[in-house]
PDB file of N, CA and C in Angstrom:
ATOM      1  N   MET A   1     -13.148  -0.140  21.494  1.00  0.00           N
ATOM      2  CA  MET A   1     -11.725  -0.184  21.320  1.00  0.00           C
ATOM      3  C   MET A   1     -11.352   0.568  20.046  1.00  0.00           C
ATOM      4  N   ALA A   2     -10.315   1.365  20.110  1.00  0.00           N
ATOM      5  CA  ALA A   2      -9.890   2.159  18.974  1.00  0.00           C
ATOM      6  C   ALA A   2      -9.233   1.308  17.929  1.00  0.00           C
ATOM      7  N   GLU A   3      -9.437   1.658  16.673  1.00  0.00           N
ATOM      8  CA  GLU A   3      -8.797   0.939  15.544  1.00  0.00           C
ATOM      9  C   GLU A   3      -7.317   1.250  15.506  1.00  0.00           C
ATOM     10  N   PRO A   4      -6.464   0.243  15.247  1.00  0.00           N
ATOM     11  CA  PRO A   4      -5.025   0.478  15.196  1.00  0.00           C
ATOM     12  C   PRO A   4      -4.680   1.444  14.039  1.00  0.00           C
ATOM     13  N   LYS A   5      -3.655   2.210  14.264  1.00  0.00           N
ATOM     14  CA  LYS A   5      -3.196   3.176  13.255  1.00  0.00           C
ATOM     15  C   LYS A   5      -1.886   2.709  12.671  1.00  0.00           C
ATOM     16  N   ARG A   6      -1.684   3.022  11.398  1.00  0.00           N
ATOM     17  CA  ARG A   6      -0.453   2.709  10.706  1.00  0.00           C
ATOM     18  C   ARG A   6       0.014   3.928   9.927  1.00  0.00           C
ATOM     19  N   MET A   7       1.277   3.960   9.535  1.00  0.00           N
ATOM     20  CA  MET A   7       1.832   5.116   8.837  1.00  0.00           C
ATOM     21  C   MET A   7       1.851   4.858   7.335  1.00  0.00           C
ATOM     22  N   CYS A   8       1.397   5.885   6.595  1.00  0.00           N
ATOM     23  CA  CYS A   8       1.433   5.819   5.118  1.00  0.00           C
ATOM     24  C   CYS A   8       2.878   5.947   4.658  1.00  0.00           C
ATOM     25  N   LEU A   9       3.282   5.109   3.727  1.00  0.00           N
ATOM     26  CA  LEU A   9       4.650   5.101   3.186  1.00  0.00           C
ATOM     27  C   LEU A   9       5.000   6.440   2.496  1.00  0.00           C
ATOM     28  N   ILE A  10       3.997   7.088   1.884  1.00  0.00           N
ATOM     29  CA  ILE A  10       4.253   8.340   1.156  1.00  0.00           C
ATOM     30  C   ILE A  10       4.084   9.566   2.001  1.00  0.00           C
ATOM     31  N   THR A  11       2.926   9.725   2.631  1.00  0.00           N
ATOM     32  CA  THR A  11       2.621  10.956   3.363  1.00  0.00           C
ATOM     33  C   THR A  11       3.217  10.977   4.778  1.00  0.00           C
ATOM     34  N   ARG A  12       3.587   9.770   5.303  1.00  0.00           N
ATOM     35  CA  ARG A  12       4.123   9.612   6.660  1.00  0.00           C
ATOM     36  C   ARG A  12       3.099  10.041   7.732  1.00  0.00           C
ATOM     37  N   GLN A  13       1.826  10.030   7.392  1.00  0.00           N
ATOM     38  CA  GLN A  13       0.750  10.365   8.351  1.00  0.00           C
ATOM     39  C   GLN A  13       0.210   9.052   8.969  1.00  0.00           C
ATOM     40  N   MET A  14      -0.126   9.120  10.230  1.00  0.00           N
ATOM     41  CA  MET A  14      -0.751   7.991  10.895  1.00  0.00           C
ATOM     42  C   MET A  14      -2.236   8.042  10.623  1.00  0.00           C
ATOM     43  N   LYS A  15      -2.775   6.900  10.150  1.00  0.00           N
ATOM     44  CA  LYS A  15      -4.206   6.771   9.802  1.00  0.00           C
ATOM     45  C   LYS A  15      -4.706   5.447  10.300  1.00  0.00           C
ATOM     46  N   PRO A  16      -6.014   5.307  10.505  1.00  0.00           N
ATOM     47  CA  PRO A  16      -6.568   4.001  10.821  1.00  0.00           C
ATOM     48  C   PRO A  16      -6.332   3.011   9.709  1.00  0.00           C
ATOM     49  N   LYS A  17      -6.110   1.741  10.039  1.00  0.00           N
ATOM     50  CA  LYS A  17      -5.782   0.712   9.047  1.00  0.00           C
ATOM     51  C   LYS A  17      -6.823   0.641   7.927  1.00  0.00           C
ATOM     52  N   SER A  18      -8.097   0.887   8.271  1.00  0.00           N
ATOM     53  CA  SER A  18      -9.171   0.757   7.269  1.00  0.00           C
ATOM     54  C   SER A  18      -9.067   1.827   6.190  1.00  0.00           C
ATOM     55  N   GLU A  19      -8.313   2.906   6.414  1.00  0.00           N
ATOM     56  CA  GLU A  19      -8.143   3.977   5.460  1.00  0.00           C
ATOM     57  C   GLU A  19      -6.918   3.756   4.561  1.00  0.00           C
ATOM     58  N   LEU A  20      -6.223   2.636   4.737  1.00  0.00           N
ATOM     59  CA  LEU A  20      -4.971   2.409   4.045  1.00  0.00           C
ATOM     60  C   LEU A  20      -5.045   1.106   3.234  1.00  0.00           C
ATOM     61  N   ILE A  21      -4.181   0.997   2.240  1.00  0.00           N
ATOM     62  CA  ILE A  21      -4.019  -0.217   1.437  1.00  0.00           C
ATOM     63  C   ILE A  21      -2.666  -0.818   1.872  1.00  0.00           C
ATOM     64  N   ARG A  22      -2.658  -2.120   2.091  1.00  0.00           N
ATOM     65  CA  ARG A  22      -1.406  -2.786   2.531  1.00  0.00           C
ATOM     66  C   ARG A  22      -0.823  -3.593   1.366  1.00  0.00           C
ATOM     67  N   LEU A  23       0.445  -3.410   1.169  1.00  0.00           N
ATOM     68  CA  LEU A  23       1.198  -4.167   0.135  1.00  0.00           C
ATOM     69  C   LEU A  23       2.271  -5.006   0.794  1.00  0.00           C
ATOM     70  N   VAL A  24       2.409  -6.260   0.334  1.00  0.00           N
ATOM     71  CA  VAL A  24       3.321  -7.219   0.928  1.00  0.00           C
ATOM     72  C   VAL A  24       4.132  -7.904  -0.172  1.00  0.00           C
ATOM     73  N   ARG A  25       5.355  -8.233   0.137  1.00  0.00           N
ATOM     74  CA  ARG A  25       6.209  -9.043  -0.762  1.00  0.00           C
ATOM     75  C   ARG A  25       6.343 -10.442  -0.212  1.00  0.00           C
ATOM     76  N   ILE A  26       5.889 -11.413  -0.999  1.00  0.00           N
ATOM     77  CA  ILE A  26       5.927 -12.808  -0.621  1.00  0.00           C
ATOM     78  C   ILE A  26       6.671 -13.589  -1.701  1.00  0.00           C
ATOM     79  N   ASP A  27       7.772 -14.205  -1.347  1.00  0.00           N
ATOM     80  CA  ASP A  27       8.552 -15.023  -2.298  1.00  0.00           C
ATOM     81  C   ASP A  27       8.823 -14.294  -3.587  1.00  0.00           C
ATOM     82  N   GLY A  28       9.188 -13.013  -3.499  1.00  0.00           N
ATOM     83  CA  GLY A  28       9.513 -12.262  -4.705  1.00  0.00           C
ATOM     84  C   GLY A  28       8.324 -11.664  -5.402  1.00  0.00           C
ATOM     85  N   LYS A  29       7.106 -12.027  -5.035  1.00  0.00           N
ATOM     86  CA  LYS A  29       5.906 -11.483  -5.654  1.00  0.00           C
ATOM     87  C   LYS A  29       5.308 -10.420  -4.737  1.00  0.00           C
ATOM     88  N   ILE A  30       4.737  -9.384  -5.323  1.00  0.00           N
ATOM     89  CA  ILE A  30       4.123  -8.302  -4.549  1.00  0.00           C
ATOM     90  C   ILE A  30       2.594  -8.474  -4.674  1.00  0.00           C
ATOM     91  N   VAL A  31       1.944  -8.420  -3.554  1.00  0.00           N
ATOM     92  CA  VAL A  31       0.472  -8.584  -3.551  1.00  0.00           C
ATOM     93  C   VAL A  31      -0.160  -7.507  -2.689  1.00  0.00           C
ATOM     94  N   VAL A  32      -1.413  -7.193  -3.044  1.00  0.00           N
ATOM     95  CA  VAL A  32      -2.212  -6.298  -2.220  1.00  0.00           C
ATOM     96  C   VAL A  32      -2.879  -7.157  -1.181  1.00  0.00           C
ATOM     97  N   ASP A  33      -2.584  -6.882   0.094  1.00  0.00           N
ATOM     98  CA  ASP A  33      -3.127  -7.646   1.204  1.00  0.00           C
ATOM     99  C   ASP A  33      -4.507  -7.090   1.575  1.00  0.00           C
ATOM    100  N   LYS A  34      -5.526  -7.571   0.921  1.00  0.00           N
ATOM    101  CA  LYS A  34      -6.889  -7.016   1.076  1.00  0.00           C
ATOM    102  C   LYS A  34      -7.420  -7.176   2.499  1.00  0.00           C
ATOM    103  N   LYS A  35      -7.089  -8.293   3.136  1.00  0.00           N
ATOM    104  CA  LYS A  35      -7.572  -8.551   4.507  1.00  0.00           C
ATOM    105  C   LYS A  35      -6.588  -8.028   5.541  1.00  0.00           C
ATOM    106  N   GLN A  36      -5.429  -7.596   5.114  1.00  0.00           N
ATOM    107  CA  GLN A  36      -4.390  -7.082   6.001  1.00  0.00           C
ATOM    108  C   GLN A  36      -4.025  -8.064   7.106  1.00  0.00           C
ATOM    109  N   LYS A  37      -3.861  -9.321   6.713  1.00  0.00           N
ATOM    110  CA  LYS A  37      -3.538 -10.375   7.675  1.00  0.00           C
ATOM    111  C   LYS A  37      -2.344 -11.225   7.307  1.00  0.00           C
ATOM    112  N   ILE A  38      -1.742 -11.007   6.133  1.00  0.00           N
ATOM    113  CA  ILE A  38      -0.615 -11.825   5.681  1.00  0.00           C
ATOM    114  C   ILE A  38       0.557 -11.593   6.657  1.00  0.00           C
ATOM    115  N   GLN A  39       1.196 -12.687   7.061  1.00  0.00           N
ATOM    116  CA  GLN A  39       2.283 -12.643   8.038  1.00  0.00           C
ATOM    117  C   GLN A  39       3.637 -12.366   7.368  1.00  0.00           C
ATOM    118  N   GLN A  40       3.743 -11.236   6.735  1.00  0.00           N
ATOM    119  CA  GLN A  40       4.996 -10.776   6.100  1.00  0.00           C
ATOM    120  C   GLN A  40       5.107  -9.278   6.367  1.00  0.00           C
ATOM    121  N   ARG A  41       6.292  -8.773   6.149  1.00  0.00           N
ATOM    122  CA  ARG A  41       6.448  -7.312   6.310  1.00  0.00           C
ATOM    123  C   ARG A  41       5.657  -6.604   5.220  1.00  0.00           C
ATOM    124  N   GLY A  42       4.839  -5.671   5.626  1.00  0.00           N
ATOM    125  CA  GLY A  42       4.028  -4.946   4.658  1.00  0.00           C
ATOM    126  C   GLY A  42       4.191  -3.445   4.809  1.00  0.00           C
ATOM    127  N   PHE A  43       3.688  -2.741   3.815  1.00  0.00           N
ATOM    128  CA  PHE A  43       3.709  -1.293   3.812  1.00  0.00           C
ATOM    129  C   PHE A  43       2.345  -0.777   3.489  1.00  0.00           C
ATOM    130  N   TYR A  44       1.992   0.305   4.120  1.00  0.00           N
ATOM    131  CA  TYR A  44       0.626   0.893   3.967  1.00  0.00           C
ATOM    132  C   TYR A  44       0.727   2.136   3.141  1.00  0.00           C
ATOM    133  N   VAL A  45      -0.330   2.363   2.345  1.00  0.00           N
ATOM    134  CA  VAL A  45      -0.437   3.547   1.492  1.00  0.00           C
ATOM    135  C   VAL A  45      -1.828   4.099   1.609  1.00  0.00           C
ATOM    136  N   SER A  46      -1.934   5.424   1.717  1.00  0.00           N
ATOM    137  CA  SER A  46      -3.260   6.063   1.794  1.00  0.00           C
ATOM    138  C   SER A  46      -4.050   5.835   0.518  1.00  0.00           C
ATOM    139  N   ARG A  47      -5.354   5.842   0.636  1.00  0.00           N
ATOM    140  CA  ARG A  47      -6.229   5.558  -0.474  1.00  0.00           C
ATOM    141  C   ARG A  47      -6.557   6.731  -1.372  1.00  0.00           C
ATOM    142  N   ASP A  48      -6.039   7.913  -1.095  1.00  0.00           N
ATOM    143  CA  ASP A  48      -6.385   9.075  -1.931  1.00  0.00           C
ATOM    144  C   ASP A  48      -5.587   9.080  -3.216  1.00  0.00           C
ATOM    145  N   ALA A  49      -6.148   9.655  -4.253  1.00  0.00           N
ATOM    146  CA  ALA A  49      -5.581   9.646  -5.596  1.00  0.00           C
ATOM    147  C   ALA A  49      -4.224  10.339  -5.678  1.00  0.00           C
ATOM    148  N   GLU A  50      -4.058  11.425  -4.961  1.00  0.00           N
ATOM    149  CA  GLU A  50      -2.793  12.181  -4.992  1.00  0.00           C
ATOM    150  C   GLU A  50      -1.636  11.315  -4.423  1.00  0.00           C
ATOM    151  N   THR A  51      -1.903  10.648  -3.338  1.00  0.00           N
ATOM    152  CA  THR A  51      -0.876   9.774  -2.737  1.00  0.00           C
ATOM    153  C   THR A  51      -0.519   8.642  -3.677  1.00  0.00           C
ATOM    154  N   LEU A  52      -1.537   8.040  -4.312  1.00  0.00           N
ATOM    155  CA  LEU A  52      -1.275   6.925  -5.212  1.00  0.00           C
ATOM    156  C   LEU A  52      -0.461   7.378  -6.444  1.00  0.00           C
ATOM    157  N   LYS A  53      -0.710   8.586  -6.896  1.00  0.00           N
ATOM    158  CA  LYS A  53       0.066   9.150  -8.007  1.00  0.00           C
ATOM    159  C   LYS A  53       1.522   9.311  -7.568  1.00  0.00           C
ATOM    160  N   ASN A  54       1.714   9.833  -6.351  1.00  0.00           N
ATOM    161  CA  ASN A  54       3.088  10.039  -5.843  1.00  0.00           C
ATOM    162  C   ASN A  54       3.774   8.712  -5.559  1.00  0.00           C
ATOM    163  N   LEU A  55       3.012   7.688  -5.217  1.00  0.00           N
ATOM    164  CA  LEU A  55       3.601   6.348  -4.972  1.00  0.00           C
ATOM    165  C   LEU A  55       4.345   5.858  -6.208  1.00  0.00           C
ATOM    166  N   LYS A  56       3.685   5.993  -7.332  1.00  0.00           N
ATOM    167  CA  LYS A  56       4.315   5.510  -8.580  1.00  0.00           C
ATOM    168  C   LYS A  56       5.463   6.432  -9.019  1.00  0.00           C
ATOM    169  N   LYS A  57       5.222   7.720  -8.890  1.00  0.00           N
ATOM    170  CA  LYS A  57       6.242   8.700  -9.334  1.00  0.00           C
ATOM    171  C   LYS A  57       7.535   8.637  -8.510  1.00  0.00           C
ATOM    172  N   SER A  58       7.403   8.467  -7.193  1.00  0.00           N
ATOM    173  CA  SER A  58       8.587   8.504  -6.297  1.00  0.00           C
ATOM    174  C   SER A  58       9.344   7.217  -6.235  1.00  0.00           C
ATOM    175  N   LYS A  59       8.689   6.108  -6.701  1.00  0.00           N
ATOM    176  CA  LYS A  59       9.306   4.751  -6.621  1.00  0.00           C
ATOM    177  C   LYS A  59       9.635   4.379  -5.207  1.00  0.00           C
ATOM    178  N   ALA A  60       8.905   4.940  -4.215  1.00  0.00           N
ATOM    179  CA  ALA A  60       9.122   4.594  -2.832  1.00  0.00           C
ATOM    180  C   ALA A  60       8.809   3.144  -2.536  1.00  0.00           C
ATOM    181  N   LEU A  61       7.858   2.596  -3.229  1.00  0.00           N
ATOM    182  CA  LEU A  61       7.505   1.187  -3.023  1.00  0.00           C
ATOM    183  C   LEU A  61       8.623   0.269  -3.492  1.00  0.00           C
ATOM    184  N   ASN A  62       9.291   0.649  -4.561  1.00  0.00           N
ATOM    185  CA  ASN A  62      10.458  -0.122  -5.037  1.00  0.00           C
ATOM    186  C   ASN A  62      11.518  -0.198  -3.938  1.00  0.00           C
ATOM    187  N   ARG A  63      11.768   0.939  -3.317  1.00  0.00           N
ATOM    188  CA  ARG A  63      12.807   1.011  -2.269  1.00  0.00           C
ATOM    189  C   ARG A  63      12.339   0.236  -1.019  1.00  0.00           C
ATOM    190  N   ALA A  64      11.092   0.403  -0.648  1.00  0.00           N
ATOM    191  CA  ALA A  64      10.587  -0.265   0.546  1.00  0.00           C
ATOM    192  C   ALA A  64      10.587  -1.778   0.442  1.00  0.00           C
ATOM    193  N   LEU A  65      10.174  -2.269  -0.720  1.00  0.00           N
ATOM    194  CA  LEU A  65      10.083  -3.709  -0.948  1.00  0.00           C
ATOM    195  C   LEU A  65      11.369  -4.308  -1.531  1.00  0.00           C
ATOM    196  N   LYS A  66      12.345  -3.429  -1.801  1.00  0.00           N
ATOM    197  CA  LYS A  66      13.646  -3.862  -2.344  1.00  0.00           C
ATOM    198  C   LYS A  66      13.541  -4.701  -3.585  1.00  0.00           C
ATOM    199  N   CYS A  67      12.654  -4.277  -4.521  1.00  0.00           N
ATOM    200  CA  CYS A  67      12.524  -4.937  -5.795  1.00  0.00           C
ATOM    201  C   CYS A  67      11.792  -4.017  -6.761  1.00  0.00           C
ATOM    202  N   GLU A  68      11.779  -4.376  -8.025  1.00  0.00           N
ATOM    203  CA  GLU A  68      11.088  -3.612  -9.065  1.00  0.00           C
ATOM    204  C   GLU A  68       9.577  -3.957  -8.990  1.00  0.00           C
ATOM    205  N   VAL A  69       8.750  -2.958  -8.811  1.00  0.00           N
ATOM    206  CA  VAL A  69       7.312  -3.157  -8.722  1.00  0.00           C
ATOM    207  C   VAL A  69       6.719  -3.070 -10.113  1.00  0.00           C
ATOM    208  N   PRO A  70       6.013  -4.159 -10.539  1.00  0.00           N
ATOM    209  CA  PRO A  70       5.400  -4.150 -11.887  1.00  0.00           C
ATOM    210  C   PRO A  70       4.232  -3.172 -11.980  1.00  0.00           C
ATOM    211  N   GLU A  71       3.990  -2.734 -13.184  1.00  0.00           N
ATOM    212  CA  GLU A  71       2.887  -1.780 -13.442  1.00  0.00           C
ATOM    213  C   GLU A  71       1.558  -2.359 -13.012  1.00  0.00           C
ATOM    214  N   SER A  72       1.384  -3.653 -13.101  1.00  0.00           N
ATOM    215  CA  SER A  72       0.129  -4.300 -12.727  1.00  0.00           C
ATOM    216  C   SER A  72      -0.217  -4.112 -11.276  1.00  0.00           C
ATOM    217  N   ILE A  73       0.785  -3.992 -10.429  1.00  0.00           N
ATOM    218  CA  ILE A  73       0.516  -3.769  -8.987  1.00  0.00           C
ATOM    219  C   ILE A  73      -0.067  -2.369  -8.758  1.00  0.00           C
ATOM    220  N   TYR A  74       0.482  -1.385  -9.461  1.00  0.00           N
ATOM    221  CA  TYR A  74      -0.093  -0.033  -9.351  1.00  0.00           C
ATOM    222  C   TYR A  74      -1.526   0.013  -9.822  1.00  0.00           C
ATOM    223  N   ASP A  75      -1.817  -0.731 -10.912  1.00  0.00           N
ATOM    224  CA  ASP A  75      -3.173  -0.824 -11.431  1.00  0.00           C
ATOM    225  C   ASP A  75      -4.102  -1.494 -10.393  1.00  0.00           C
ATOM    226  N   GLU A  76      -3.610  -2.527  -9.746  1.00  0.00           N
ATOM    227  CA  GLU A  76      -4.421  -3.223  -8.736  1.00  0.00           C
ATOM    228  C   GLU A  76      -4.679  -2.341  -7.529  1.00  0.00           C
ATOM    229  N   VAL A  77      -3.691  -1.557  -7.146  1.00  0.00           N
ATOM    230  CA  VAL A  77      -3.862  -0.605  -5.998  1.00  0.00           C
ATOM    231  C   VAL A  77      -4.917   0.434  -6.356  1.00  0.00           C
ATOM    232  N   MET A  78      -4.872   0.941  -7.577  1.00  0.00           N
ATOM    233  CA  MET A  78      -5.882   1.924  -7.986  1.00  0.00           C
ATOM    234  C   MET A  78      -7.280   1.314  -7.994  1.00  0.00           C
ATOM    235  N   LYS A  79      -7.429   0.088  -8.442  1.00  0.00           N
ATOM    236  CA  LYS A  79      -8.739  -0.584  -8.441  1.00  0.00           C
ATOM    237  C   LYS A  79      -9.241  -0.778  -7.012  1.00  0.00           C
ATOM    238  N   GLU A  80      -8.352  -1.175  -6.138  1.00  0.00           N
ATOM    239  CA  GLU A  80      -8.709  -1.378  -4.724  1.00  0.00           C
ATOM    240  C   GLU A  80      -9.129  -0.048  -4.096  1.00  0.00           C
ATOM    241  N   CYS A  81      -8.476   1.012  -4.446  1.00  0.00           N
ATOM    242  CA  CYS A  81      -8.830   2.339  -3.960  1.00  0.00           C
ATOM    243  C   CYS A  81     -10.212   2.739  -4.398  1.00  0.00           C
ATOM    244  N   GLN A  82     -10.513   2.502  -5.693  1.00  0.00           N
ATOM    245  CA  GLN A  82     -11.798   2.882  -6.237  1.00  0.00           C
ATOM    246  C   GLN A  82     -12.939   2.067  -5.653  1.00  0.00           C
ATOM    247  N   LYS A  83     -12.642   0.783  -5.325  1.00  0.00           N
ATOM    248  CA  LYS A  83     -13.672  -0.076  -4.709  1.00  0.00           C
ATOM    249  C   LYS A  83     -14.098   0.414  -3.345  1.00  0.00           C
ATOM    250  N   GLN A  84     -13.108   0.903  -2.578  1.00  0.00           N
ATOM    251  CA  GLN A  84     -13.395   1.331  -1.204  1.00  0.00           C
ATOM    252  C   GLN A  84     -14.054   2.690  -1.142  1.00  0.00           C
ATOM    253  N   ASN A  85     -13.825   3.519  -2.153  1.00  0.00           N
ATOM    254  CA  ASN A  85     -14.388   4.911  -2.091  1.00  0.00           C
ATOM    255  C   ASN A  85     -15.757   4.987  -2.652  1.00  0.00           C
TER     256      ASN A  85
END
């Protein structure tokens, strides 16, 4: 069975879920959904460095989650990206 595909918030490319990082807003807090199972609206971001740099620069995550994203979340996303690569 083929792995489900999701769209990257920045690149707008469809990729397998395993190649993406999922971010979710729960009760005003933003978390990295490492298991990709949290039952909330989430957004996916590609794991490559260029996309992650553009994520912070464009503030697309702020608009998608409708809140100010703290610097610590970007740091956590970078760590998660480095763990998987």
